[in-house]
C-alpha atoms as a PDB file:
ATOM      1  CA  UNK A   1     160.779  26.884 170.472  1.00  0.00           C
ATOM      2  CA  UNK A   2     158.019  28.596 172.501  1.00  0.00           C
ATOM      3  CA  UNK A   3     157.988  29.297 176.100  1.00  0.00           C
ATOM      4  CA  UNK A   4     155.483  27.040 176.738  1.00  0.00           C
ATOM      5  CA  UNK A   5     157.073  24.281 175.448  1.00  0.00           C
ATOM      6  CA  UNK A   6     160.418  25.000 177.367  1.00  0.00           C
ATOM      7  CA  UNK A   7     158.399  25.189 180.277  1.00  0.00           C
ATOM      8  CA  UNK A   8     157.439  22.105 179.523  1.00  0.00           C
ATOM      9  CA  UNK A   9     160.706  20.320 178.862  1.00  0.00           C
ATOM     10  CA  UNK A  10     162.066  21.500 182.302  1.00  0.00           C
ATOM     11  CA  UNK A  11     158.890  20.000 184.340  1.00  0.00           C
ATOM     12  CA  UNK A  12     159.334  16.834 182.354  1.00  0.00           C
ATOM     13  CA  UNK A  13     163.122  16.895 183.354  1.00  0.00           C
ATOM     14  CA  UNK A  14     162.012  17.648 186.896  1.00  0.00           C
ATOM     15  CA  UNK A  15     159.595  14.464 186.958  1.00  0.00           C
ATOM     16  CA  UNK A  16     162.180  12.291 185.494  1.00  0.00           C
ATOM     17  CA  UNK A  17     164.922  13.709 188.176  1.00  0.00           C
ATOM     18  CA  UNK A  18     163.597  15.866 191.307  1.00  0.00           C
ATOM     19  CA  UNK A  19     167.458  17.194 191.503  1.00  0.00           C
ATOM     20  CA  UNK A  20     167.269  18.652 187.846  1.00  0.00           C
ATOM     21  CA  UNK A  21     167.144  22.458 187.246  1.00  0.00           C
ATOM     22  CA  UNK A  22     167.385  22.528 191.284  1.00  0.00           C
ATOM     23  CA  UNK A  23     164.426  20.453 191.849  1.00  0.00           C
ATOM     24  CA  UNK A  24     161.729  23.402 190.743  1.00  0.00           C
ATOM     25  CA  UNK A  25     160.196  25.327 188.100  1.00  0.00           C
ATOM     26  CA  UNK A  26     161.168  28.498 190.333  1.00  0.00           C
ATOM     27  CA  UNK A  27     164.909  27.862 191.057  1.00  0.00           C
ATOM     28  CA  UNK A  28     167.448  30.037 189.269  1.00  0.00           C
ATOM     29  CA  UNK A  29     169.096  27.075 187.485  1.00  0.00           C
ATOM     30  CA  UNK A  30     165.026  26.400 185.813  1.00  0.00           C
ATOM     31  CA  UNK A  31     165.225  30.219 185.248  1.00  0.00           C
ATOM     32  CA  UNK A  32     168.537  30.283 183.444  1.00  0.00           C
ATOM     33  CA  UNK A  33     167.747  26.837 181.418  1.00  0.00           C
ATOM     34  CA  UNK A  34     164.532  28.652 180.285  1.00  0.00           C
ATOM     35  CA  UNK A  35     165.556  31.896 178.795  1.00  0.00           C
ATOM     36  CA  UNK A  36     169.045  30.708 177.819  1.00  0.00           C
ATOM     37  CA  UNK A  37     166.397  28.035 175.501  1.00  0.00           C
ATOM     38  CA  UNK A  38     164.502  30.822 174.718  1.00  0.00           C
ATOM     39  CA  UNK A  39     166.769  33.159 173.460  1.00  0.00           C
ATOM     40  CA  UNK A  40     168.635  30.346 171.320  1.00  0.00           C
ATOM     41  CA  UNK A  41     165.868  29.914 169.629  1.00  0.00           C
ATOM     42  CA  UNK A  42     165.564  33.325 168.346  1.00  0.00           C
ATOM     43  CA  UNK A  43     169.653  33.847 168.184  1.00  0.00           C
ATOM     44  CA  UNK A  44     169.867  34.647 164.491  1.00  0.00           C
ATOM     45  CA  UNK A  45     166.579  36.891 164.632  1.00  0.00           C
ATOM     46  CA  UNK A  46     168.405  38.711 168.097  1.00  0.00           C
ATOM     47  CA  UNK A  47     172.033  38.891 167.144  1.00  0.00           C
ATOM     48  CA  UNK A  48     172.388  42.716 166.312  1.00  0.00           C
ATOM     49  CA  UNK A  49     174.745  45.102 167.960  1.00  0.00           C
ATOM     50  CA  UNK A  50     173.972  47.503 170.431  1.00  0.00           C
ATOM     51  CA  UNK A  51     174.565  50.974 169.504  1.00  0.00           C
ATOM     52  CA  UNK A  52     176.993  52.612 171.456  1.00  0.00           C
ATOM     53  CA  UNK A  53     177.977  49.354 173.287  1.00  0.00           C
ATOM     54  CA  UNK A  54     180.622  47.038 171.817  1.00  0.00           C
ATOM     55  CA  UNK A  55     178.068  44.013 172.816  1.00  0.00           C
ATOM     56  CA  UNK A  56     175.503  42.049 170.731  1.00  0.00           C
ATOM     57  CA  UNK A  57     171.701  41.335 172.168  1.00  0.00           C
ATOM     58  CA  UNK A  58     172.676  37.900 172.191  1.00  0.00           C
ATOM     59  CA  UNK A  59     175.434  38.602 174.002  1.00  0.00           C
ATOM     60  CA  UNK A  60     173.503  40.327 176.923  1.00  0.00           C
ATOM     61  CA  UNK A  61     170.959  37.841 176.977  1.00  0.00           C
ATOM     62  CA  UNK A  62     173.205  34.359 176.813  1.00  0.00           C
ATOM     63  CA  UNK A  63     176.597  35.165 178.074  1.00  0.00           C
ATOM     64  CA  UNK A  64     178.123  32.609 180.429  1.00  0.00           C
ATOM     65  CA  UNK A  65     180.226  33.792 183.288  1.00  0.00           C
ATOM     66  CA  UNK A  66     183.092  35.658 181.626  1.00  0.00           C
ATOM     67  CA  UNK A  67     181.656  35.675 178.371  1.00  0.00           C
ATOM     68  CA  UNK A  68     179.879  39.009 179.738  1.00  0.00           C
ATOM     69  CA  UNK A  69     182.386  42.116 179.675  1.00  0.00           C
ATOM     70  CA  UNK A  70     180.979  43.465 182.328  1.00  0.00           C
ATOM     71  CA  UNK A  71     181.888  41.050 184.900  1.00  0.00           C
ATOM     72  CA  UNK A  72     184.790  40.422 183.660  1.00  0.00           C
ATOM     73  CA  UNK A  73     185.304  44.035 184.225  1.00  0.00           C
ATOM     74  CA  UNK A  74     184.358  43.546 187.382  1.00  0.00           C
ATOM     75  CA  UNK A  75     186.463  40.570 188.486  1.00  0.00           C
ATOM     76  CA  UNK A  76     189.284  42.564 186.777  1.00  0.00           C
ATOM     77  CA  UNK A  77     188.982  46.125 189.269  1.00  0.00           C
ATOM     78  CA  UNK A  78     187.884  43.957 192.473  1.00  0.00           C
ATOM     79  CA  UNK A  79     189.581  40.390 192.034  1.00  0.00           C
ATOM     80  CA  UNK A  80     186.284  38.814 193.161  1.00  0.00           C
ATOM     81  CA  UNK A  81     182.901  37.939 191.693  1.00  0.00           C
ATOM     82  CA  UNK A  82     180.044  40.228 192.882  1.00  0.00           C
ATOM     83  CA  UNK A  83     178.054  38.496 195.797  1.00  0.00           C
ATOM     84  CA  UNK A  84     174.434  37.955 193.962  1.00  0.00           C
ATOM     85  CA  UNK A  85     175.009  37.832 190.193  1.00  0.00           C
ATOM     86  CA  UNK A  86     173.456  37.210 187.121  1.00  0.00           C
ATOM     87  CA  UNK A  87     175.751  37.211 184.051  1.00  0.00           C
ATOM     88  CA  UNK A  88     172.937  38.271 182.003  1.00  0.00           C
ATOM     89  CA  UNK A  89     172.124  41.932 180.971  1.00  0.00           C
ATOM     90  CA  UNK A  90     168.775  41.594 180.740  1.00  0.00           C
ATOM     91  CA  UNK A  91     167.148  45.241 181.644  1.00  0.00           C
ATOM     92  CA  UNK A  92     170.324  46.375 179.387  1.00  0.00           C
ATOM     93  CA  UNK A  93     168.968  44.344 176.523  1.00  0.00           C
ATOM     94  CA  UNK A  94     165.408  45.535 177.531  1.00  0.00           C
ATOM     95  CA  UNK A  95     165.814  49.014 177.100  1.00  0.00           C
ATOM     96  CA  UNK A  96     168.194  48.411 174.036  1.00  0.00           C
ATOM     97  CA  UNK A  97     165.317  45.961 172.484  1.00  0.00           C
ATOM     98  CA  UNK A  98     163.414  47.455 169.438  1.00  0.00           C
ATOM     99  CA  UNK A  99     160.848  45.039 167.437  1.00  0.00           C
ATOM    100  CA  UNK A 100     161.192  47.774 164.648  1.00  0.00           C
ATOM    101  CA  UNK A 101     163.190  50.536 164.831  1.00  0.00           C
ATOM    102  CA  UNK A 102     160.714  53.041 163.256  1.00  0.00           C
ATOM    103  CA  UNK A 103     161.116  56.574 162.618  1.00  0.00           C
ATOM    104  CA  UNK A 104     157.870  57.601 164.363  1.00  0.00           C
ATOM    105  CA  UNK A 105     156.422  61.007 165.621  1.00  0.00           C
ATOM    106  CA  UNK A 106     154.448  60.851 169.097  1.00  0.00           C
ATOM    107  CA  UNK A 107     151.270  63.047 168.645  1.00  0.00           C
ATOM    108  CA  UNK A 108     148.733  63.708 171.046  1.00  0.00           C
ATOM    109  CA  UNK A 109     145.546  63.655 170.200  1.00  0.00           C
ATOM    110  CA  UNK A 110     142.313  65.514 171.197  1.00  0.00           C
ATOM    111  CA  UNK A 111     140.092  62.549 173.343  1.00  0.00           C
ATOM    112  CA  UNK A 112     139.312  62.955 176.710  1.00  0.00           C
ATOM    113  CA  UNK A 113     142.268  64.495 179.033  1.00  0.00           C
ATOM    114  CA  UNK A 114     144.067  64.846 175.892  1.00  0.00           C
ATOM    115  CA  UNK A 115     142.018  67.816 174.582  1.00  0.00           C
ATOM    116  CA  UNK A 116     142.639  69.471 178.285  1.00  0.00           C
ATOM    117  CA  UNK A 117     146.204  68.531 177.907  1.00  0.00           C
ATOM    118  CA  UNK A 118     146.578  70.190 174.036  1.00  0.00           C
ATOM    119  CA  UNK A 119     144.558  73.607 175.560  1.00  0.00           C
ATOM    120  CA  UNK A 120     147.247  73.838 178.682  1.00  0.00           C
ATOM    121  CA  UNK A 121     150.085  73.145 176.548  1.00  0.00           C
ATOM    122  CA  UNK A 122     149.027  75.660 173.824  1.00  0.00           C
ATOM    123  CA  UNK A 123     148.625  78.410 176.813  1.00  0.00           C
ATOM    124  CA  UNK A 124     151.008  79.955 179.611  1.00  0.00           C
ATOM    125  CA  UNK A 125     152.459  76.893 180.883  1.00  0.00           C
ATOM    126  CA  UNK A 126     154.816  77.400 183.567  1.00  0.00           C
ATOM    127  CA  UNK A 127     157.909  75.338 183.082  1.00  0.00           C
ATOM    128  CA  UNK A 128     157.233  73.394 186.637  1.00  0.00           C
ATOM    129  CA  UNK A 129     153.972  72.309 185.035  1.00  0.00           C
ATOM    130  CA  UNK A 130     155.396  70.656 181.594  1.00  0.00           C
ATOM    131  CA  UNK A 131     157.068  67.274 183.281  1.00  0.00           C
ATOM    132  CA  UNK A 132     153.706  66.481 184.932  1.00  0.00           C
ATOM    133  CA  UNK A 133     151.498  68.186 181.167  1.00  0.00           C
ATOM    134  CA  UNK A 134     153.815  65.754 179.321  1.00  0.00           C
ATOM    135  CA  UNK A 135     154.063  62.239 181.501  1.00  0.00           C
ATOM    136  CA  UNK A 136     149.729  62.771 181.243  1.00  0.00           C
ATOM    137  CA  UNK A 137     150.214  63.724 177.329  1.00  0.00           C
ATOM    138  CA  UNK A 138     151.962  60.183 176.834  1.00  0.00           C
ATOM    139  CA  UNK A 139     148.470  58.317 177.518  1.00  0.00           C
ATOM    140  CA  UNK A 140     146.714  60.329 174.603  1.00  0.00           C
ATOM    141  CA  UNK A 141     149.070  59.786 171.962  1.00  0.00           C
ATOM    142  CA  UNK A 142     149.732  58.314 168.653  1.00  0.00           C
ATOM    143  CA  UNK A 143     152.922  57.336 166.817  1.00  0.00           C
ATOM    144  CA  UNK A 144     152.972  58.617 163.275  1.00  0.00           C
ATOM    145  CA  UNK A 145     155.159  58.349 160.439  1.00  0.00           C
ATOM    146  CA  UNK A 146     156.643  61.158 158.641  1.00  0.00           C
ATOM    147  CA  UNK A 147     154.455  60.743 155.109  1.00  0.00           C
ATOM    148  CA  UNK A 148     151.392  60.760 157.761  1.00  0.00           C
ATOM    149  CA  UNK A 149     152.406  64.077 159.887  1.00  0.00           C
ATOM    150  CA  UNK A 150     152.824  65.756 156.417  1.00  0.00           C
ATOM    151  CA  UNK A 151     149.716  64.523 154.975  1.00  0.00           C
ATOM    152  CA  UNK A 152     147.957  66.068 158.689  1.00  0.00           C
ATOM    153  CA  UNK A 153     150.101  69.288 157.794  1.00  0.00           C
ATOM    154  CA  UNK A 154     148.599  69.501 154.398  1.00  0.00           C
ATOM    155  CA  UNK A 155     144.994  69.163 156.131  1.00  0.00           C
ATOM    156  CA  UNK A 156     145.604  71.856 158.278  1.00  0.00           C
ATOM    157  CA  UNK A 157     145.028  69.311 160.879  1.00  0.00           C
ATOM    158  CA  UNK A 158     148.141  69.008 162.860  1.00  0.00           C
ATOM    159  CA  UNK A 159     149.505  71.546 165.618  1.00  0.00           C
ATOM    160  CA  UNK A 160     152.861  72.427 166.457  1.00  0.00           C
ATOM    161  CA  UNK A 161     154.014  73.737 169.870  1.00  0.00           C
ATOM    162  CA  UNK A 162     156.936  74.532 171.658  1.00  0.00           C
ATOM    163  CA  UNK A 163     158.978  75.529 168.214  1.00  0.00           C
ATOM    164  CA  UNK A 164     157.566  72.454 166.007  1.00  0.00           C
ATOM    165  CA  UNK A 165     158.779  69.778 169.074  1.00  0.00           C
ATOM    166  CA  UNK A 166     155.591  68.978 170.091  1.00  0.00           C
ATOM    167  CA  UNK A 167     152.560  67.982 167.637  1.00  0.00           C
ATOM    168  CA  UNK A 168     148.681  67.317 168.637  1.00  0.00           C
ATOM    169  CA  UNK A 169     145.909  66.723 166.319  1.00  0.00           C
ATOM    170  CA  UNK A 170     142.810  68.976 165.949  1.00  0.00           C
ATOM    171  CA  UNK A 171     138.918  68.434 166.765  1.00  0.00           C
ATOM    172  CA  UNK A 172     137.339  66.307 163.841  1.00  0.00           C
ATOM    173  CA  UNK A 173     141.346  64.822 163.094  1.00  0.00           C
ATOM    174  CA  UNK A 174     140.868  62.083 165.684  1.00  0.00           C
ATOM    175  CA  UNK A 175     138.248  59.325 166.325  1.00  0.00           C
ATOM    176  CA  UNK A 176     138.480  57.039 169.218  1.00  0.00           C
ATOM    177  CA  UNK A 177     136.745  53.926 166.788  1.00  0.00           C
ATOM    178  CA  UNK A 178     138.224  55.109 163.283  1.00  0.00           C
ATOM    179  CA  UNK A 179     142.169  56.454 165.024  1.00  0.00           C
ATOM    180  CA  UNK A 180     143.635  58.942 163.274  1.00  0.00           C
ATOM    181  CA  UNK A 181     142.273  60.755 160.152  1.00  0.00           C
ATOM    182  CA  UNK A 182     145.686  61.821 158.255  1.00  0.00           C
ATOM    183  CA  UNK A 183     143.811  63.274 154.917  1.00  0.00           C
ATOM    184  CA  UNK A 184     141.350  65.001 156.705  1.00  0.00           C
ATOM    185  CA  UNK A 185     138.391  64.856 154.730  1.00  0.00           C
ATOM    186  CA  UNK A 186     136.394  62.440 156.947  1.00  0.00           C
ATOM    187  CA  UNK A 187     133.781  64.394 158.994  1.00  0.00           C
ATOM    188  CA  UNK A 188     134.699  62.780 162.675  1.00  0.00           C
ATOM    189  CA  UNK A 189     132.972  65.477 164.382  1.00  0.00           C
ATOM    190  CA  UNK A 190     129.564  64.506 162.927  1.00  0.00           C
ATOM    191  CA  UNK A 191     129.423  61.442 164.146  1.00  0.00           C
ATOM    192  CA  UNK A 192     129.802  62.580 167.930  1.00  0.00           C
ATOM    193  CA  UNK A 193     126.444  61.386 169.947  1.00  0.00           C
END
């Protein structure tokens, strides 16, 4: 069931009974209904354990009341429920959600300010400047698989910085229109306008 269908069903329920789901599509009851139905439709795909926790993705997203271990622990410690509480752990689920567990590495591309960032990282950079440089570099990165990194390294198109912890592409290995040239055999630099 898609989000559109779920919303439509909630609106139909409210039209039939003005007090259904809190009487508004924006009420807490309507939102809980929406997310419960939405995540129920993906339950089989989402039910995987969260690394480092004794919870599954479905438990984080769909736990009701004391099914949520954090809510239960809070109640046991303080002998009351928190005044504002959503039993589901949406933020924790979002932080741990991965569509595909892909072992990729970020590589800075020489495009626009990416060129300047690569040059600055390759030079005498003060430690105080690293945080802002890495933050700036995120806008000019692509994620590559290990086999792609190997090909770029073999073709001499990969720059390794900071004891091989940060990677960047050399000029000609990236083109805005065509992307990364992992084999290093194209003439992207001739395509410049």
